[in-house]
Protein backbone atom coordinates (compact mmCIF):
# COMPACT_ATOMS: atom_id res chain seq x y z
CA MET A 1 -15.97 -5.56 10.64
CA ARG A 2 -18.82 -5.45 13.13
CA SER A 3 -19.12 -7.21 16.43
CA ASP A 4 -21.98 -7.50 18.85
CA ARG A 5 -19.65 -7.40 21.87
CA LYS A 6 -19.48 -4.10 23.77
CA CYS A 7 -16.16 -2.69 24.81
CA ALA A 8 -15.70 -2.24 28.55
CA PRO A 9 -14.34 1.16 29.52
CA ARG A 10 -10.60 1.25 30.19
CA GLU A 11 -8.38 3.43 32.21
CA SER A 12 -7.56 6.42 30.08
CA LEU A 13 -3.80 6.30 30.37
CA ALA A 14 -3.69 2.73 29.05
CA GLU A 15 -6.06 3.46 26.21
CA GLU A 16 -4.96 6.79 25.02
CA GLU A 17 -1.40 7.47 25.97
CA THR A 18 0.63 4.27 25.68
CA SER A 19 2.09 2.43 22.76
CA LEU A 20 3.75 -0.95 22.65
CA ILE A 21 6.69 -1.92 20.51
CA GLY A 22 8.05 -5.49 20.57
CA CYS A 23 10.14 -8.05 18.78
CA LEU A 24 8.66 -11.09 17.19
CA LYS A 25 11.05 -13.91 16.28
CA CYS A 26 10.75 -15.82 13.04
CA SER A 27 7.63 -17.90 12.37
CA ARG A 28 5.43 -15.37 14.15
CA PHE A 29 3.25 -12.62 12.77
CA CYS A 30 0.96 -10.04 14.37
CA SER A 31 -1.94 -7.82 13.59
CA PHE A 32 -3.86 -5.34 15.66
CA THR A 33 -7.42 -4.14 15.93
CA ILE A 34 -8.51 -0.68 16.97
CA GLN A 35 -11.92 -1.07 18.57
CA GLY A 36 -14.21 1.85 19.25
CA ASP A 37 -17.18 2.43 21.54
CA GLU A 38 -19.54 0.87 18.96
CA CYS A 39 -17.11 -1.97 18.24
CA ASP A 40 -16.48 -0.81 14.65
CA SER A 41 -13.03 -2.26 14.04
CA PHE A 42 -10.51 -2.95 11.36
CA ARG A 43 -7.50 -5.17 11.15
CA GLU A 44 -4.26 -4.36 9.49
CA PRO A 45 -2.86 -7.17 7.23
CA CYS A 46 -0.22 -9.34 8.90
CA GLU A 47 2.61 -7.95 6.71
CA LEU A 48 2.26 -4.59 8.53
CA SER A 49 5.79 -3.89 9.79
CA LEU A 50 7.09 -1.39 12.27
CA PRO A 51 8.43 1.17 9.81
CA ARG A 52 5.12 1.39 7.96
CA CYS A 53 3.12 1.37 11.19
CA ALA A 54 5.26 3.97 12.91
CA SER A 55 5.09 6.39 10.02
CA ARG A 56 1.28 6.15 9.44
CA PRO A 57 -0.78 8.76 11.27
CA ASP A 58 -3.88 6.59 10.93
CA ALA A 59 -2.20 3.95 13.04
CA ALA A 60 -2.57 6.18 16.08
CA THR A 61 -5.12 5.19 18.64
CA PRO A 62 -8.07 7.58 18.63
CA GLN A 63 -9.18 9.15 21.92
CA GLY A 64 -11.38 6.88 23.98
CA ARG A 65 -10.58 3.69 22.09
CA ALA A 66 -8.89 0.56 23.32
CA CYS A 67 -6.09 -1.29 21.55
CA ARG A 68 -6.10 -5.08 21.08
CA LEU A 69 -2.97 -7.06 20.28
CA SER A 70 -2.95 -10.46 18.64
CA ARG A 71 -1.51 -13.55 20.28
CA GLU A 72 1.80 -14.69 18.78
CA ARG A 73 1.81 -18.05 17.06
CA ARG A 74 4.65 -19.40 19.32
CA ARG A 75 5.67 -18.32 22.76
CA GLY A 76 9.12 -17.27 23.74
CA GLY A 77 11.56 -14.31 23.26
CA ARG A 78 10.61 -10.66 23.47
CA GLY A 79 7.25 -11.32 21.74
CA SER A 80 6.01 -13.15 24.78
CA ALA A 81 7.15 -10.30 26.99
CA ALA A 82 5.41 -7.58 24.93
CA LEU A 83 2.00 -9.14 24.41
CA PRO A 84 1.19 -9.95 28.06
CA ARG A 85 2.17 -6.41 29.05
CA GLY A 86 -0.19 -5.03 26.43
CA ALA A 87 -2.95 -7.24 27.69
CA ALA A 88 -2.32 -6.15 31.35
CA LEU A 89 -2.57 -2.50 30.26
CA GLY A 90 -6.11 -3.16 29.04
CA TRP A 91 -5.46 -4.44 25.55
CA ARG A 92 -7.05 -7.77 24.79
CA THR A 93 -5.54 -10.51 22.63
CA ARG A 94 -7.23 -12.09 19.72
CA ALA A 95 -6.15 -14.56 17.02
CA PRO A 96 -4.69 -13.09 13.84
CA ALA A 97 -6.72 -13.27 10.57
CA ARG A 98 -6.07 -16.39 8.63
CA ARG A 99 -7.63 -15.32 5.38
CA ARG A 100 -5.61 -13.26 2.95
CA THR A 101 -6.44 -9.61 2.39
CA PRO A 102 -6.57 -8.21 -1.14
CA GLY A 103 -3.08 -7.50 -2.31
CA SER A 104 -1.32 -9.22 0.62
CA ARG A 105 1.62 -11.49 0.13
CA PRO A 106 1.46 -15.25 0.80
CA ARG A 107 1.87 -16.25 4.43
CA ALA A 108 5.38 -17.60 3.88
CA ASP A 109 6.51 -14.14 2.80
CA ARG A 110 4.87 -12.49 5.79
CA LEU A 111 6.56 -14.70 8.37
CA ARG A 112 9.91 -13.08 8.24
CA GLN A 113 12.84 -12.90 10.65
CA GLY A 114 12.76 -9.98 13.05
CA GLY A 115 9.20 -8.77 12.48
CA ARG A 116 8.10 -5.81 14.53
CA PHE A 117 4.86 -4.37 15.69
CA ALA A 118 3.96 -0.94 17.06
CA LEU A 119 0.96 0.98 18.12
CA ARG A 120 1.62 4.69 18.06
CA THR A 121 -0.47 6.98 20.21
CA THR A 122 0.37 10.25 21.97
CA ARG A 123 2.51 10.08 25.09
CA PHE A 124 4.49 6.92 25.98
CA ASN A 125 6.43 4.15 24.22
CA LEU A 126 6.88 0.83 25.99
CA ILE A 127 9.64 -0.86 24.01
CA CYS A 128 10.19 -4.55 24.72
CA LEU A 129 13.58 -4.72 22.94
CA ASN A 130 17.00 -5.34 24.44
CA PRO A 131 19.66 -2.76 23.61
CA GLU A 132 21.05 -4.54 20.55
CA GLN A 133 17.60 -4.02 18.93
CA LEU A 134 16.65 -0.82 20.72
CA ILE A 135 19.48 1.35 19.35
CA PRO A 136 18.76 0.56 15.67
CA TYR A 137 15.04 1.12 16.26
CA ARG A 138 15.53 4.49 17.96
CA SER A 139 17.92 5.71 15.27
CA SER A 140 15.61 4.82 12.41
CA HIS A 141 12.30 5.79 14.01
CA ALA A 142 12.87 9.14 15.59
CA ALA A 143 9.75 10.97 16.76
CA PRO A 144 8.60 13.80 14.42
CA SER A 145 9.72 17.33 15.26
CA GLY A 146 7.73 18.72 18.21
CA HIS A 147 6.24 15.26 19.01
CA ARG A 148 7.41 14.53 22.58
CA ARG A 149 7.25 10.93 23.70
CA THR A 150 8.59 9.35 26.90
CA THR A 151 10.16 5.98 26.31
CA VAL A 152 10.32 3.08 28.72
CA ALA A 153 12.33 0.07 27.77
CA ALA A 154 11.72 -3.49 29.03
CA TRP A 155 14.95 -5.43 29.17
CA ASN A 156 15.90 -8.92 30.24
CA TRP A 157 19.30 -10.33 31.27
CA GLU A 158 20.57 -13.22 33.29
CA VAL A 159 24.15 -12.63 34.51
CA ASP A 160 26.02 -10.00 36.55
CA ILE A 161 28.02 -8.41 33.69
CA LEU A 162 26.17 -6.54 30.92
CA PRO A 163 27.20 -6.63 27.26
CA PRO A 164 28.97 -3.56 25.74
CA GLY A 165 26.65 -0.72 24.81
CA TRP A 166 23.98 -1.27 27.39
CA ALA A 167 24.95 1.81 29.36
CA ASP A 168 24.73 3.92 26.21
CA ALA A 169 21.35 2.51 25.39
CA ALA A 170 20.08 3.32 28.84
CA SER A 171 20.65 6.97 28.17
CA GLU A 172 18.06 6.76 25.34
CA VAL A 173 15.13 5.97 27.62
CA ALA A 174 13.50 7.54 30.64
CA GLU A 175 13.26 4.31 32.60
CA ILE A 176 14.04 0.60 32.27
CA TRP A 177 11.72 -2.13 33.31
CA ALA A 178 13.23 -5.53 34.28
CA CYS A 179 11.05 -8.61 34.63
CA SER A 180 12.51 -9.34 38.10
CA GLU A 181 14.47 -7.64 40.87
CA PHE A 182 17.17 -10.23 40.10
CA THR A 183 17.61 -8.78 36.58
CA ALA A 184 16.98 -5.20 37.76
CA SER A 185 19.98 -5.38 40.13
CA PHE A 186 22.34 -6.27 37.27
CA ILE A 187 21.04 -3.54 34.98
CA ARG A 188 21.02 -0.94 37.72
CA ALA A 189 24.62 -1.72 38.66
CA GLY A 190 25.79 -1.78 35.00
CA THR A 191 24.06 1.34 33.73
CA GLY A 192 23.32 3.65 36.67
CA ALA A 193 19.93 4.19 35.04
CA PRO A 194 16.56 4.18 36.87
CA VAL A 195 15.43 0.55 36.80
CA VAL A 196 12.13 -0.82 38.05
CA ALA A 197 11.31 -4.49 38.65
CA MET A 198 8.15 -5.14 36.63
CA PRO A 199 7.19 -8.83 36.54
CA LEU A 200 5.57 -10.34 33.50
CA PRO A 201 1.84 -10.74 33.80
CA LEU A 202 0.46 -14.20 33.12
CA ALA A 203 -2.80 -15.31 31.59
CA THR A 204 -4.03 -16.90 34.76
CA ALA A 205 -7.32 -18.24 33.48
CA ILE A 206 -7.33 -22.04 33.41
CA ALA A 207 -8.51 -23.30 30.07
CA ARG A 208 -9.41 -26.91 29.30
CA PRO A 209 -6.52 -28.31 27.22
CA PRO A 210 -7.13 -30.24 24.06
CA ALA A 211 -6.53 -33.95 23.92
CA LEU A 212 -2.86 -34.95 23.99
CA ALA A 213 -1.21 -36.33 20.86
CA PRO A 214 -1.62 -40.13 21.03
CA ASP A 215 2.12 -40.84 20.39
CA LEU A 216 3.19 -39.29 23.70
CA PRO A 217 4.51 -42.16 25.92
CA ALA A 218 2.63 -43.17 29.02
CA GLY A 219 4.05 -43.20 32.57
CA PHE A 220 5.26 -40.67 35.09
CA ARG A 221 6.17 -37.70 32.85
CA VAL A 222 8.86 -35.12 33.51
CA LEU A 223 8.95 -32.13 31.14
CA MET A 224 11.85 -29.84 30.27
CA ILE A 225 11.32 -26.91 27.88
CA PHE A 226 13.99 -24.71 26.31
CA ASP A 227 15.09 -22.70 23.32
CA TYR A 228 18.47 -23.45 21.75
CA LEU A 229 18.89 -19.70 21.03
CA SER A 230 18.83 -19.10 24.77
CA THR A 231 22.05 -21.31 24.86
CA ILE A 232 22.28 -24.83 26.28
CA GLN A 233 24.88 -23.60 28.72
CA ARG A 234 22.28 -21.33 30.43
CA LYS A 235 19.21 -23.53 30.01
CA ASN A 236 21.27 -26.60 30.84
CA PRO A 237 19.17 -29.46 29.22
CA ILE A 238 22.19 -31.73 29.64
CA GLY A 239 22.06 -31.23 33.40
CA ALA A 240 18.31 -31.98 33.36
CA ILE A 241 18.91 -35.22 31.39
CA GLU A 242 21.63 -36.25 33.85
CA ALA A 243 19.31 -35.60 36.84
CA TYR A 244 16.57 -37.69 35.26
CA ARG A 245 19.04 -40.50 34.51
CA GLN A 246 20.12 -40.53 38.12
CA ALA A 247 16.51 -40.51 39.33
CA PHE A 248 15.05 -43.24 37.23
CA ALA A 249 16.13 -46.46 35.52
CA PRO A 250 14.69 -47.35 32.13
CA SER A 251 12.49 -50.07 33.75
CA ASP A 252 10.85 -47.55 36.25
CA GLY A 253 8.19 -46.54 33.75
CA ALA A 254 9.03 -42.82 33.88
CA GLN A 255 9.53 -40.56 30.87
CA LEU A 256 11.53 -37.39 30.31
CA ILE A 257 10.16 -35.19 27.50
CA VAL A 258 12.68 -32.57 26.35
CA LYS A 259 10.71 -29.97 24.33
CA SER A 260 12.95 -27.59 22.40
CA ILE A 261 12.90 -25.14 19.48
CA ASN A 262 15.53 -23.74 17.14
CA GLY A 263 17.92 -26.70 17.20
CA ALA A 264 18.48 -26.23 13.47
CA HIS A 265 20.19 -22.93 14.30
CA ARG A 266 22.51 -24.59 16.90
CA VAL A 267 23.38 -27.89 15.30
CA GLU A 268 26.39 -28.60 17.54
CA ALA A 269 24.44 -27.89 20.69
CA ARG A 270 21.65 -30.16 19.45
CA GLU A 271 24.13 -32.94 18.89
CA GLN A 272 25.39 -32.55 22.49
CA VAL A 273 21.80 -32.97 23.83
CA GLU A 274 21.22 -35.99 21.60
CA ARG A 275 24.45 -37.61 22.92
CA ALA A 276 23.31 -37.02 26.48
CA ALA A 277 20.15 -38.99 25.79
CA ILE A 278 21.82 -41.97 23.99
CA GLY A 279 20.77 -45.41 25.31
CA ARG A 280 17.64 -44.16 27.05
CA SER A 281 14.41 -44.82 25.06
CA ASP A 282 12.52 -43.21 27.96
CA ILE A 283 14.03 -39.82 27.07
CA VAL A 284 12.00 -38.24 24.28
CA LEU A 285 13.46 -35.29 22.33
CA MET A 286 10.69 -33.15 20.81
CA GLU A 287 11.79 -30.26 18.57
CA GLU A 288 8.81 -29.72 16.25
CA THR A 289 7.04 -26.39 16.52
CA ILE A 290 3.66 -26.76 18.17
CA SER A 291 0.76 -24.31 18.82
CA GLY A 292 0.25 -22.62 22.14
CA ALA A 293 -2.77 -24.90 22.81
CA ALA A 294 -0.64 -27.99 22.17
CA ARG A 295 2.04 -26.64 24.43
CA ASP A 296 -0.51 -26.11 27.16
CA ALA A 297 -1.78 -29.66 26.59
CA LEU A 298 1.81 -30.96 26.91
CA VAL A 299 2.25 -29.24 30.24
CA ALA A 300 -1.08 -30.46 31.44
CA ALA A 301 -0.19 -34.06 30.53
CA CYS A 302 3.09 -34.05 32.48
CA ASP A 303 3.52 -34.72 36.18
CA CYS A 304 6.22 -32.02 36.82
CA LEU A 305 8.43 -29.52 35.07
CA LEU A 306 12.23 -29.61 35.43
CA SER A 307 14.54 -26.65 34.91
CA LEU A 308 18.24 -26.82 35.97
CA HIS A 309 19.03 -23.40 34.50
CA ARG A 310 22.19 -21.65 35.44
CA GLY A 311 20.57 -18.20 35.14
CA GLU A 312 17.04 -17.07 34.52
CA GLY A 313 15.74 -13.48 34.27
CA PHE A 314 12.09 -14.51 34.94
CA GLY A 315 11.30 -18.16 34.12
CA LEU A 316 8.23 -17.98 31.91
CA SER A 317 7.89 -21.70 31.31
CA LEU A 318 8.18 -22.31 35.03
CA ALA A 319 5.45 -19.78 35.84
CA ASP A 320 3.22 -21.28 33.08
CA ALA A 321 3.57 -24.76 34.62
CA MET A 322 2.72 -23.34 38.05
CA VAL A 323 -0.39 -21.66 36.62
CA ALA A 324 -1.40 -25.12 35.36
CA GLY A 325 -0.92 -26.47 38.93
CA LYS A 326 2.11 -28.55 38.15
CA PRO A 327 4.99 -29.12 40.66
CA VAL A 328 8.23 -27.50 39.38
CA VAL A 329 11.75 -28.59 40.13
CA ALA A 330 14.09 -25.70 39.41
CA THR A 331 17.41 -24.14 40.37
CA ALA A 332 17.01 -21.83 43.42
CA TYR A 333 18.66 -19.02 41.53
CA GLY A 334 17.37 -16.29 39.26
CA GLY A 335 14.14 -14.30 38.80
CA ASN A 336 12.15 -17.43 39.27
CA THR A 337 12.88 -17.32 43.02
CA GLU A 338 10.65 -14.24 43.25
CA PHE A 339 7.55 -16.39 42.72
CA MET A 340 8.95 -19.80 43.68
CA ARG A 341 9.55 -20.82 47.30
CA PRO A 342 9.98 -24.08 49.24
CA THR A 343 6.30 -24.21 50.02
CA ASN A 344 5.17 -24.18 46.34
CA SER A 345 8.10 -25.69 44.43
CA TYR A 346 11.06 -28.05 44.65
CA LEU A 347 14.08 -25.74 44.69
CA VAL A 348 17.49 -27.15 43.78
CA PRO A 349 20.62 -25.89 45.63
CA TYR A 350 23.59 -24.63 43.63
CA GLU A 351 27.08 -23.20 43.78
CA MET A 352 28.22 -20.07 41.99
CA THR A 353 30.65 -20.47 39.08
CA ASN A 354 32.07 -18.52 36.15
CA VAL A 355 30.18 -18.62 32.85
CA GLY A 356 33.33 -19.58 31.03
CA PRO A 357 34.15 -19.34 27.29
CA GLY A 358 31.89 -20.26 24.41
CA CYS A 359 28.55 -19.06 25.79
CA GLU A 360 27.73 -16.72 22.95
CA HIS A 361 26.65 -13.30 24.28
CA TYR A 362 27.37 -14.06 27.94
CA PRO A 363 30.80 -12.73 29.15
CA PRO A 364 33.07 -15.58 30.28
CA GLU A 365 33.99 -13.75 33.45
CA ALA A 366 30.33 -13.31 34.49
CA ARG A 367 28.90 -15.49 37.28
CA TRP A 368 25.94 -17.80 37.39
CA ALA A 369 24.73 -20.93 39.22
CA GLU A 370 25.78 -24.56 38.88
CA PRO A 371 22.78 -26.54 40.16
CA ASP A 372 23.22 -29.74 42.22
CA VAL A 373 22.18 -32.53 39.87
CA SER A 374 21.95 -35.13 42.67
CA SER A 375 19.53 -32.94 44.61
CA ALA A 376 17.39 -32.49 41.52
CA ALA A 377 17.31 -36.26 41.02
CA ALA A 378 16.17 -36.66 44.65
CA ALA A 379 13.37 -34.13 44.10
CA LEU A 380 12.16 -36.05 41.03
CA ARG A 381 12.07 -39.26 43.02
CA GLU A 382 10.22 -37.57 45.77
CA ILE A 383 7.52 -36.34 43.41
CA ALA A 384 7.20 -39.74 41.78
CA GLY A 385 7.03 -41.45 45.17
CA ASP A 386 4.23 -39.27 46.56
CA VAL A 387 2.17 -37.78 43.77
CA GLY A 388 -0.52 -36.58 46.18
CA VAL A 389 1.84 -34.36 48.12
CA ALA A 390 3.40 -33.05 44.87
CA ARG A 391 -0.06 -32.26 43.53
CA GLU A 392 -0.87 -30.21 46.66
CA ARG A 393 2.34 -28.30 46.25
CA GLY A 394 1.41 -27.65 42.63
CA LEU A 395 -1.96 -26.28 43.64
CA THR A 396 -0.27 -24.03 46.18
CA ALA A 397 1.96 -22.78 43.34
CA GLN A 398 -1.06 -22.23 41.17
CA ALA A 399 -2.79 -20.04 43.84
CA ASP A 400 0.41 -18.05 44.50
CA VAL A 401 1.22 -17.15 40.87
CA ARG A 402 -2.40 -16.49 39.95
CA THR A 403 -2.31 -13.74 42.65
CA LEU A 404 1.25 -12.50 42.35
CA LEU A 405 1.41 -12.40 38.53
CA ALA A 406 -2.24 -11.59 37.75
CA PRO A 407 -2.57 -9.27 34.73
CA GLU A 408 -4.81 -7.01 36.80
CA ARG A 409 -2.11 -6.56 39.49
CA ILE A 410 0.78 -6.05 37.08
CA GLY A 411 -1.36 -3.76 34.93
CA ARG A 412 -1.91 -1.52 37.98
CA LEU A 413 1.84 -1.44 38.70
CA MET A 414 2.59 -0.40 35.08
CA LEU A 415 -0.15 2.32 35.11
CA ARG A 416 1.34 3.72 38.38
CA ARG A 417 4.74 3.96 36.76
CA PHE A 418 3.27 5.74 33.74
CA GLU A 419 1.44 8.14 36.01
CA ALA A 420 4.67 8.86 37.90
CA LEU A 421 6.53 9.48 34.60
CA ARG A 422 3.73 11.72 33.38
CA SER A 423 4.05 13.88 36.46
CA ASP A 424 7.93 14.01 36.25
CA PRO A 425 8.99 17.07 34.22
CA ALA A 426 12.37 15.43 33.49
CA ALA A 427 10.75 12.40 31.85
């Protein structure tokens, strides 16, 4: 496939010596393009999986060529951590091919649970997989004899006690990157491994969102976004609903839009959320899968974002809303506090508490935050009462995150770490 667009030169380390391996959840697929100096390129079919890619010598990036990763169909999970890092290293995203290639399977067969992608080159692996996925990957995809590669793992975690096996997994890599110092402190204490806080880069360009779906209710709109697989105990949508109910009466003309995914995989949790919203027609539960553009439009159409999380490793939905210039009401605990402050956000006080039983992979004796619901309700009323001041705070947030989390800045931080590892004989 030919293109008239010329490739800008990249820093050699990002182009020639780094590969990216990540996890894509179900309903996502990926492809990649290797683009040379003359923009001659090819695209692998979407069913290309990590075992095939990792074993093929022609999947290696030639010297002097830049890698480009596709954008995932839905955001969230480790896929949304891997792709921005690739872009910050100089790889550009592009939409996957929609037409079928000769001999490829139908799309439904290609969108399979636990898809993987990998670009193999010559020197480094950056693996965006938590230990429960990293260990099986490393055992089944060992480097060929004599092929030395330094592996960096990007992990995420939200509480002060790590799951079993993380310390063993840490011994498999040269260095661990955490998306915040908040997370890094937990991993450092639990493994004794070298851990570097490496924030997620954000696409900070402001695109014009498409028109909003006409069935979205009018009025002052509060948005809450979460994934049921991240547990309702941690994401705390019930706390968000209670804060909204305290802040507004049904006659106030406000709306709470609770956007979620994967409720079908956590039926009991979804029923709890539905019960919390009973009797309030101004609370809208949206669970259908939407495109990234539609999600951006949803954020753009709302007046603020609400997150009463009990623990957050980074806070990607919060940062995305700030990029869009929206005021954010969020628990003053977690990795989000590394880019949120009182001057650009509405931070909610909290008290520390035990996680308790029944929180899936989070140990019951671990600690996290219990946000003050009444304070969150007061913040929502403050925003609704003075939209102008809230808008100014949102613009301050936009300017802050566009600087702090810019791909160019985070890309330079990653390149410096790779350079340090390259010069370290023990790596």
